[in-house]
Amino acid sequence: MSGNFLALAQPGVQQLSPYVPGKPVDELARELDLDPASIVKLASNENPLGASPKALAAIRDELAELTRYPDGNGFALKSLLAERCGVELSQVTLGNGSNDILELVARAYLAPGLNAVFSEHAFAVYPIATQAVGADAHVVPAKDWGHDLPAMLAAIDANTRVVFIANPNNPTGTWFDAQALDDFLQDVPEHVLVVLDEAYIEYAEGSDMPDGLDFLAAYPNLLVSRTFSKAYGLASLRVGYGLSTAVVADVLNRVRQPFNVNSFALAAACAALQDEAYLAESRRLNEAGMQQLEAGLRELGLGWIPSKGNFICVDVGRVAAPVYQGLLREGVIVRPVANYGMPNHLRVTVGLPAENSRFLDALSKVLARG
């Protein structure tokens, strides 16, 4: 005798579709009988520079302790982050990637009858985390592909407990300035936790992008989430963090899984955080690559959404799915974003110069075929 285990799942879970990551290189190689070394992957916003040598050395040093559980409190990394970010140790929450922080917030503060507010074209984990705990999602239409903060403010009601905002936003790369953020935070009710997702903030340093850390002291209902997966090049190790009041951090630690960040991730993150030369090179490479991609797209007569991340959303001027498939046949993996309500766009990670050229050449061929 067997039951219908889909019907037995929570209603919010039944309505979800699993998160679909960028296609792995090995999978495409198997499907099309391609040499994996010939494939360019620009689908998952990974750092093309490779990991920091200091992070790699830290991982090697940690191998001798493979049989030991990691430090469940992550003291060394939390100490470095607290010093770097100008907060107390008690204000730091470590996550298995910043996705984990988003999940912890949902588990701690959302439930059936409550809701979270977030934008159209925003990160796919927001609805997953919200609906998985039975809460309602209030999705606010985007403005010029980005967050309409006044409209998001208007969407908050007595049952709202969380607002997710991303700066810059994934997958669009759009951003808002410090004044817009301050105006928004001033008017958010005290019972609502604002999660400011800054997964790509390191790529925008020195621009007109606000730093969420500058707002923490003034707004006790603010949590800033960040990651080591992007600019710090540690995507496979899954390590992120949240910065908030000590009270919010204490709540999140009550639902956080023990040992959610492994020893290699802790060691590598500590090393990467102190490798300023690596971070500077990551930024330089990204800025030059973005200019290369924009110039190539301009030459092809295509539009794109200006981005402060390490990726760019390209408008291919038609339904993008066939273009995506054509690029796969050329050995180039990018990211279709129809699931984000953007059927004519492809999201392309900024790669190394040769990878960017390979993408532009392949795109030109695919578009020429019609």
Protein backbone atom coordinates (compact mmCIF):
# COMPACT_ATOMS: atom_id res chain seq x y z
CA MET A 1 0.00 0.00 0.00
CA SER A 2 1.41 3.38 -0.94
CA GLY A 3 0.23 6.91 -0.32
CA ASN A 4 0.36 9.97 -2.52
CA PHE A 5 3.39 11.56 -0.96
CA LEU A 6 3.13 14.68 -3.09
CA ALA A 7 -0.38 15.29 -1.75
CA LEU A 8 0.88 14.59 1.77
CA ALA A 9 3.55 17.30 1.50
CA GLN A 10 2.89 20.77 2.89
CA PRO A 11 0.74 22.84 0.48
CA GLY A 12 3.51 25.37 -0.07
CA VAL A 13 5.97 22.61 -0.95
CA GLN A 14 3.53 21.04 -3.41
CA GLN A 15 3.44 24.27 -5.38
CA LEU A 16 7.22 24.63 -5.61
CA SER A 17 9.50 23.62 -8.45
CA PRO A 18 13.00 22.47 -7.48
CA TYR A 19 15.79 25.02 -7.88
CA VAL A 20 17.55 24.38 -11.18
CA PRO A 21 21.28 25.22 -11.11
CA GLY A 22 23.42 26.04 -14.12
CA LYS A 23 24.15 23.03 -16.32
CA PRO A 24 27.39 21.30 -15.23
CA VAL A 25 30.23 20.97 -17.74
CA ASP A 26 30.35 17.17 -17.41
CA GLU A 27 26.62 16.88 -18.10
CA LEU A 28 26.86 18.86 -21.33
CA ALA A 29 29.93 16.87 -22.36
CA ARG A 30 27.97 13.62 -21.94
CA GLU A 31 24.89 14.92 -23.74
CA LEU A 32 26.67 16.26 -26.82
CA ASP A 33 29.82 14.11 -26.75
CA LEU A 34 32.05 17.14 -26.27
CA ASP A 35 35.50 17.38 -24.73
CA PRO A 36 34.93 18.86 -21.25
CA ALA A 37 38.09 20.94 -21.64
CA SER A 38 36.54 22.65 -24.66
CA ILE A 39 33.42 23.81 -22.81
CA VAL A 40 33.06 27.32 -21.41
CA LYS A 41 30.71 27.67 -18.43
CA LEU A 42 29.35 31.16 -17.84
CA ALA A 43 26.15 30.11 -16.11
CA SER A 44 26.55 30.24 -12.33
CA ASN A 45 28.28 33.54 -11.52
CA GLU A 46 31.41 31.75 -10.35
CA ASN A 47 34.73 33.55 -10.02
CA PRO A 48 36.78 32.72 -13.15
CA LEU A 49 40.03 33.59 -11.39
CA GLY A 50 40.19 30.34 -9.45
CA ALA A 51 40.54 30.19 -5.67
CA SER A 52 42.95 32.30 -3.66
CA PRO A 53 46.31 30.51 -3.22
CA LYS A 54 46.05 31.33 0.48
CA ALA A 55 42.65 29.61 0.66
CA LEU A 56 44.04 26.52 -1.08
CA ALA A 57 46.95 26.39 1.37
CA ALA A 58 44.54 26.67 4.29
CA ILE A 59 42.51 23.74 2.97
CA ARG A 60 45.63 21.60 2.63
CA ASP A 61 46.60 22.41 6.22
CA GLU A 62 43.14 21.39 7.40
CA LEU A 63 43.28 17.92 5.83
CA ALA A 64 45.03 16.43 8.86
CA GLU A 65 41.89 17.12 10.92
CA LEU A 66 39.51 15.38 8.51
CA THR A 67 38.12 13.06 11.20
CA ARG A 68 37.20 15.94 13.52
CA TYR A 69 33.97 17.90 13.55
CA PRO A 70 34.38 21.58 12.63
CA ASP A 71 34.15 24.33 15.20
CA GLY A 72 30.36 24.60 15.47
CA ASN A 73 30.64 28.22 16.56
CA GLY A 74 33.05 29.18 13.78
CA PHE A 75 34.96 31.34 16.24
CA ALA A 76 37.95 32.21 14.04
CA LEU A 77 35.88 33.23 11.02
CA LYS A 78 33.28 35.06 13.08
CA SER A 79 36.05 36.97 14.84
CA LEU A 80 37.58 38.06 11.54
CA LEU A 81 34.19 39.05 10.14
CA ALA A 82 33.27 40.99 13.28
CA GLU A 83 36.53 42.92 13.12
CA ARG A 84 36.28 43.54 9.37
CA CYS A 85 32.61 44.57 9.48
CA GLY A 86 32.72 46.63 12.68
CA VAL A 87 30.23 44.49 14.62
CA GLU A 88 30.27 42.33 17.74
CA LEU A 89 30.92 38.60 17.53
CA SER A 90 27.35 38.02 18.75
CA GLN A 91 25.97 39.75 15.64
CA VAL A 92 27.43 37.24 13.17
CA THR A 93 25.60 34.12 11.94
CA LEU A 94 27.44 31.66 9.71
CA GLY A 95 25.62 29.79 6.96
CA ASN A 96 26.16 26.99 4.49
CA GLY A 97 26.32 29.66 1.80
CA SER A 98 24.20 32.80 2.13
CA ASN A 99 21.25 30.68 0.93
CA ASP A 100 21.38 29.03 4.35
CA ILE A 101 20.93 32.43 6.02
CA LEU A 102 17.82 33.04 3.93
CA GLU A 103 16.44 29.63 4.93
CA LEU A 104 17.18 30.27 8.61
CA VAL A 105 15.27 33.55 8.46
CA ALA A 106 12.28 31.83 6.88
CA ARG A 107 12.28 29.01 9.42
CA ALA A 108 12.58 31.41 12.34
CA TYR A 109 10.14 34.12 11.31
CA LEU A 110 7.67 32.77 8.73
CA ALA A 111 4.73 30.36 9.08
CA PRO A 112 1.27 29.74 7.65
CA GLY A 113 -0.79 32.92 7.85
CA LEU A 114 2.31 35.13 7.62
CA ASN A 115 3.98 36.47 4.48
CA ALA A 116 7.23 37.66 2.95
CA VAL A 117 7.56 40.49 0.43
CA PHE A 118 10.05 40.41 -2.43
CA SER A 119 10.39 41.68 -5.97
CA GLU A 120 9.56 40.20 -9.33
CA HIS A 121 12.75 38.97 -11.08
CA ALA A 122 14.40 38.39 -7.68
CA PHE A 123 16.48 35.43 -6.49
CA ALA A 124 14.63 32.11 -6.79
CA VAL A 125 15.45 31.09 -3.23
CA TYR A 126 13.15 33.77 -1.77
CA PRO A 127 9.92 32.04 -2.88
CA ILE A 128 11.38 28.60 -2.12
CA ALA A 129 12.27 29.54 1.46
CA THR A 130 8.94 31.31 1.96
CA GLN A 131 6.60 28.67 0.56
CA ALA A 132 8.49 25.75 2.09
CA VAL A 133 7.42 26.91 5.57
CA GLY A 134 3.83 27.51 4.48
CA ALA A 135 4.00 31.30 4.36
CA ASP A 136 2.57 33.45 1.58
CA ALA A 137 4.72 35.24 -0.99
CA HIS A 138 3.81 38.83 -1.88
CA VAL A 139 5.63 39.42 -5.18
CA VAL A 140 5.86 43.09 -6.16
CA PRO A 141 6.16 43.99 -9.87
CA ALA A 142 9.62 45.19 -10.83
CA LYS A 143 10.42 48.68 -12.11
CA ASP A 144 12.94 48.85 -14.96
CA TRP A 145 13.88 45.23 -14.11
CA GLY A 146 14.79 46.24 -10.55
CA HIS A 147 13.25 46.64 -7.11
CA ASP A 148 10.40 49.15 -6.79
CA LEU A 149 11.07 49.94 -3.14
CA PRO A 150 8.05 52.26 -2.59
CA ALA A 151 5.76 49.58 -4.03
CA MET A 152 7.40 46.93 -1.86
CA LEU A 153 6.81 49.14 1.16
CA ALA A 154 3.15 49.45 0.21
CA ALA A 155 2.88 45.64 -0.02
CA ILE A 156 3.79 45.18 3.65
CA ASP A 157 0.82 44.38 5.87
CA ALA A 158 0.14 43.28 9.44
CA ASN A 159 1.06 39.68 8.56
CA THR A 160 4.38 40.51 6.87
CA ARG A 161 7.38 39.34 8.84
CA VAL A 162 10.18 39.41 6.26
CA VAL A 163 11.14 41.53 3.26
CA PHE A 164 13.88 40.19 0.97
CA ILE A 165 15.74 42.83 -1.04
CA ALA A 166 18.91 42.23 -3.05
CA ASN A 167 21.51 44.84 -3.96
CA PRO A 168 22.69 44.21 -6.61
CA ASN A 169 19.88 41.88 -7.65
CA ASN A 170 20.34 38.46 -9.19
CA PRO A 171 19.59 37.76 -12.04
CA THR A 172 19.08 41.33 -13.32
CA GLY A 173 22.17 43.04 -11.84
CA THR A 174 20.07 46.10 -10.97
CA TRP A 175 20.72 48.18 -7.86
CA PHE A 176 19.41 51.05 -5.74
CA ASP A 177 21.35 53.85 -4.06
CA ALA A 178 21.92 54.71 -0.41
CA GLN A 179 19.15 57.31 -0.24
CA ALA A 180 16.59 54.87 -1.63
CA LEU A 181 17.65 52.24 0.90
CA ASP A 182 17.54 54.68 3.82
CA ASP A 183 14.11 55.99 2.81
CA PHE A 184 12.84 52.42 2.62
CA LEU A 185 14.28 51.33 5.96
CA GLN A 186 12.90 54.39 7.73
CA ASP A 187 9.35 53.44 6.79
CA VAL A 188 9.44 49.64 7.24
CA PRO A 189 7.40 48.68 10.34
CA GLU A 190 9.42 47.50 13.33
CA HIS A 191 7.82 44.03 13.23
CA VAL A 192 9.28 43.31 9.78
CA LEU A 193 12.80 41.93 9.32
CA VAL A 194 14.49 43.33 6.22
CA VAL A 195 16.98 40.90 4.68
CA LEU A 196 19.43 42.84 2.52
CA ASP A 197 21.05 40.23 0.25
CA GLU A 198 24.49 41.52 -0.73
CA ALA A 199 25.91 38.39 -2.37
CA TYR A 200 27.64 40.49 -5.04
CA ILE A 201 28.50 43.59 -3.01
CA GLU A 202 32.27 43.13 -3.29
CA TYR A 203 32.11 43.69 -7.04
CA ALA A 204 30.43 47.07 -6.57
CA GLU A 205 32.82 48.65 -4.06
CA GLY A 206 33.69 52.24 -4.86
CA SER A 207 30.52 52.81 -6.88
CA ASP A 208 27.27 54.49 -5.89
CA MET A 209 26.13 51.24 -4.27
CA PRO A 210 25.33 51.54 -0.55
CA ASP A 211 27.09 49.33 1.98
CA GLY A 212 24.48 47.60 4.10
CA LEU A 213 26.82 47.60 7.08
CA ASP A 214 26.46 51.38 7.29
CA PHE A 215 22.78 50.94 8.17
CA LEU A 216 22.97 48.16 10.77
CA ALA A 217 23.36 50.38 13.84
CA ALA A 218 20.38 52.56 12.91
CA TYR A 219 17.96 49.78 11.97
CA PRO A 220 17.62 46.86 14.42
CA ASN A 221 15.22 45.13 11.99
CA LEU A 222 17.93 44.86 9.30
CA LEU A 223 19.93 41.74 8.47
CA VAL A 224 22.71 41.85 5.85
CA SER A 225 23.58 38.55 4.17
CA ARG A 226 26.80 37.97 2.25
CA THR A 227 28.74 35.08 0.76
CA PHE A 228 32.22 33.79 -0.03
CA SER A 229 30.92 32.07 -3.18
CA LYS A 230 31.35 34.96 -5.61
CA ALA A 231 34.16 37.50 -5.31
CA TYR A 232 36.06 35.28 -2.85
CA GLY A 233 35.93 32.27 -5.18
CA LEU A 234 34.76 29.59 -2.72
CA ALA A 235 31.46 28.52 -4.31
CA SER A 236 31.95 24.77 -3.84
CA LEU A 237 32.66 25.11 -0.12
CA ARG A 238 29.33 26.83 0.65
CA VAL A 239 30.08 29.47 3.25
CA GLY A 240 28.14 32.67 3.84
CA TYR A 241 27.15 34.86 6.75
CA GLY A 242 24.51 37.17 8.14
CA LEU A 243 25.05 40.36 10.14
CA SER A 244 22.25 41.60 12.37
CA THR A 245 21.48 42.55 15.94
CA ALA A 246 22.62 40.04 18.53
CA VAL A 247 18.97 39.22 19.25
CA VAL A 248 18.24 38.24 15.64
CA ALA A 249 21.51 36.29 15.41
CA ASP A 250 20.56 34.41 18.59
CA VAL A 251 17.19 33.48 17.08
CA LEU A 252 18.81 32.21 13.87
CA ASN A 253 21.33 30.16 15.82
CA ARG A 254 18.44 28.39 17.55
CA VAL A 255 17.35 26.87 14.22
CA ARG A 256 20.79 26.61 12.59
CA GLN A 257 22.00 23.06 12.02
CA PRO A 258 25.03 22.05 14.11
CA PHE A 259 28.28 22.18 12.12
CA ASN A 260 26.54 23.80 9.12
CA VAL A 261 29.88 25.18 7.85
CA ASN A 262 32.60 22.58 7.41
CA SER A 263 36.21 22.87 8.53
CA PHE A 264 37.62 23.42 5.05
CA ALA A 265 35.13 26.19 4.36
CA LEU A 266 35.94 27.89 7.67
CA ALA A 267 39.69 27.72 7.07
CA ALA A 268 39.48 28.79 3.43
CA ALA A 269 37.14 31.69 4.21
CA CYS A 270 39.50 33.00 6.89
CA ALA A 271 42.38 32.90 4.43
CA ALA A 272 40.41 34.40 1.53
CA LEU A 273 39.11 37.22 3.71
CA GLN A 274 42.69 38.28 4.38
CA ASP A 275 43.89 38.01 0.76
CA GLU A 276 43.34 41.60 -0.34
CA ALA A 277 45.37 41.13 -3.54
CA TYR A 278 43.09 38.31 -4.67
CA LEU A 279 39.95 40.35 -4.07
CA ALA A 280 41.41 43.33 -5.92
CA GLU A 281 42.28 41.13 -8.90
CA SER A 282 38.80 39.61 -8.88
CA ARG A 283 37.32 43.10 -9.12
CA ARG A 284 39.74 44.20 -11.83
CA LEU A 285 39.08 41.11 -13.92
CA ASN A 286 35.33 41.55 -13.54
CA GLU A 287 35.37 45.22 -14.51
CA ALA A 288 37.48 44.54 -17.61
CA GLY A 289 35.33 41.55 -18.56
CA MET A 290 32.12 43.52 -18.19
CA GLN A 291 33.48 46.18 -20.54
CA GLN A 292 34.49 43.46 -23.02
CA LEU A 293 31.04 41.88 -22.96
CA GLU A 294 29.21 45.21 -23.28
CA ALA A 295 31.38 46.20 -26.25
CA GLY A 296 30.73 42.85 -27.92
CA LEU A 297 26.99 43.02 -27.34
CA ARG A 298 26.91 46.56 -28.71
CA GLU A 299 28.65 45.33 -31.85
CA LEU A 300 26.01 42.60 -32.21
CA GLY A 301 23.24 45.19 -31.84
CA LEU A 302 21.89 43.61 -28.66
CA GLY A 303 20.60 45.23 -25.50
CA TRP A 304 21.38 44.33 -21.91
CA ILE A 305 20.50 45.33 -18.38
CA PRO A 306 23.29 47.39 -16.73
CA SER A 307 24.74 45.30 -13.91
CA LYS A 308 26.74 45.80 -10.72
CA GLY A 309 27.34 42.06 -10.32
CA ASN A 310 29.70 39.64 -12.05
CA PHE A 311 27.09 38.83 -14.68
CA ILE A 312 25.03 40.55 -17.34
CA CYS A 313 21.48 39.87 -18.57
CA VAL A 314 21.38 39.98 -22.37
CA ASP A 315 18.20 40.67 -24.35
CA VAL A 316 18.56 38.47 -27.43
CA GLY A 317 15.54 40.11 -29.09
CA ARG A 318 13.51 36.91 -29.30
CA VAL A 319 12.54 33.95 -27.13
CA ALA A 320 15.91 32.99 -25.70
CA ALA A 321 15.46 29.22 -25.26
CA PRO A 322 16.56 28.30 -28.84
CA VAL A 323 19.53 30.66 -28.53
CA TYR A 324 20.50 28.98 -25.26
CA GLN A 325 20.31 25.56 -26.93
CA GLY A 326 22.39 26.83 -29.84
CA LEU A 327 25.06 28.07 -27.47
CA LEU A 328 25.15 24.66 -25.78
CA ARG A 329 25.86 23.06 -29.14
CA GLU A 330 28.76 25.51 -29.47
CA GLY A 331 30.09 24.34 -26.10
CA VAL A 332 29.09 27.50 -24.22
CA ILE A 333 26.88 27.29 -21.11
CA VAL A 334 24.96 30.38 -20.00
CA ARG A 335 21.79 30.71 -17.93
CA PRO A 336 18.26 30.96 -19.31
CA VAL A 337 16.05 33.07 -17.04
CA ALA A 338 12.54 32.40 -18.34
CA ASN A 339 11.76 31.01 -14.88
CA TYR A 340 12.38 34.54 -13.58
CA GLY A 341 9.79 35.97 -15.97
CA MET A 342 12.45 36.99 -18.49
CA PRO A 343 11.94 34.72 -21.53
CA ASN A 344 13.93 36.93 -23.95
CA HIS A 345 17.03 37.21 -21.73
CA LEU A 346 20.09 35.10 -21.00
CA ARG A 347 22.23 35.70 -17.94
CA VAL A 348 25.94 35.51 -18.71
CA THR A 349 28.68 35.36 -16.08
CA VAL A 350 31.73 37.53 -16.68
CA GLY A 351 34.57 35.14 -17.46
CA LEU A 352 38.22 35.32 -18.42
CA PRO A 353 38.96 37.35 -21.58
CA ALA A 354 39.17 34.23 -23.76
CA GLU A 355 35.92 32.87 -22.32
CA ASN A 356 34.11 36.15 -22.96
CA SER A 357 35.38 36.14 -26.56
CA ARG A 358 34.27 32.54 -26.99
CA PHE A 359 30.77 33.42 -25.81
CA LEU A 360 30.50 36.45 -28.09
CA ASP A 361 31.71 34.46 -31.11
CA ALA A 362 29.31 31.62 -30.36
CA LEU A 363 26.41 34.05 -29.84
CA SER A 364 27.14 35.71 -33.17
CA LYS A 365 27.04 32.32 -34.93
CA VAL A 366 23.82 31.24 -33.24
CA LEU A 367 22.03 34.51 -33.99
CA ALA A 368 23.18 34.42 -37.62
CA ARG A 369 21.50 31.05 -38.06
CA GLY A 370 18.17 32.67 -37.20
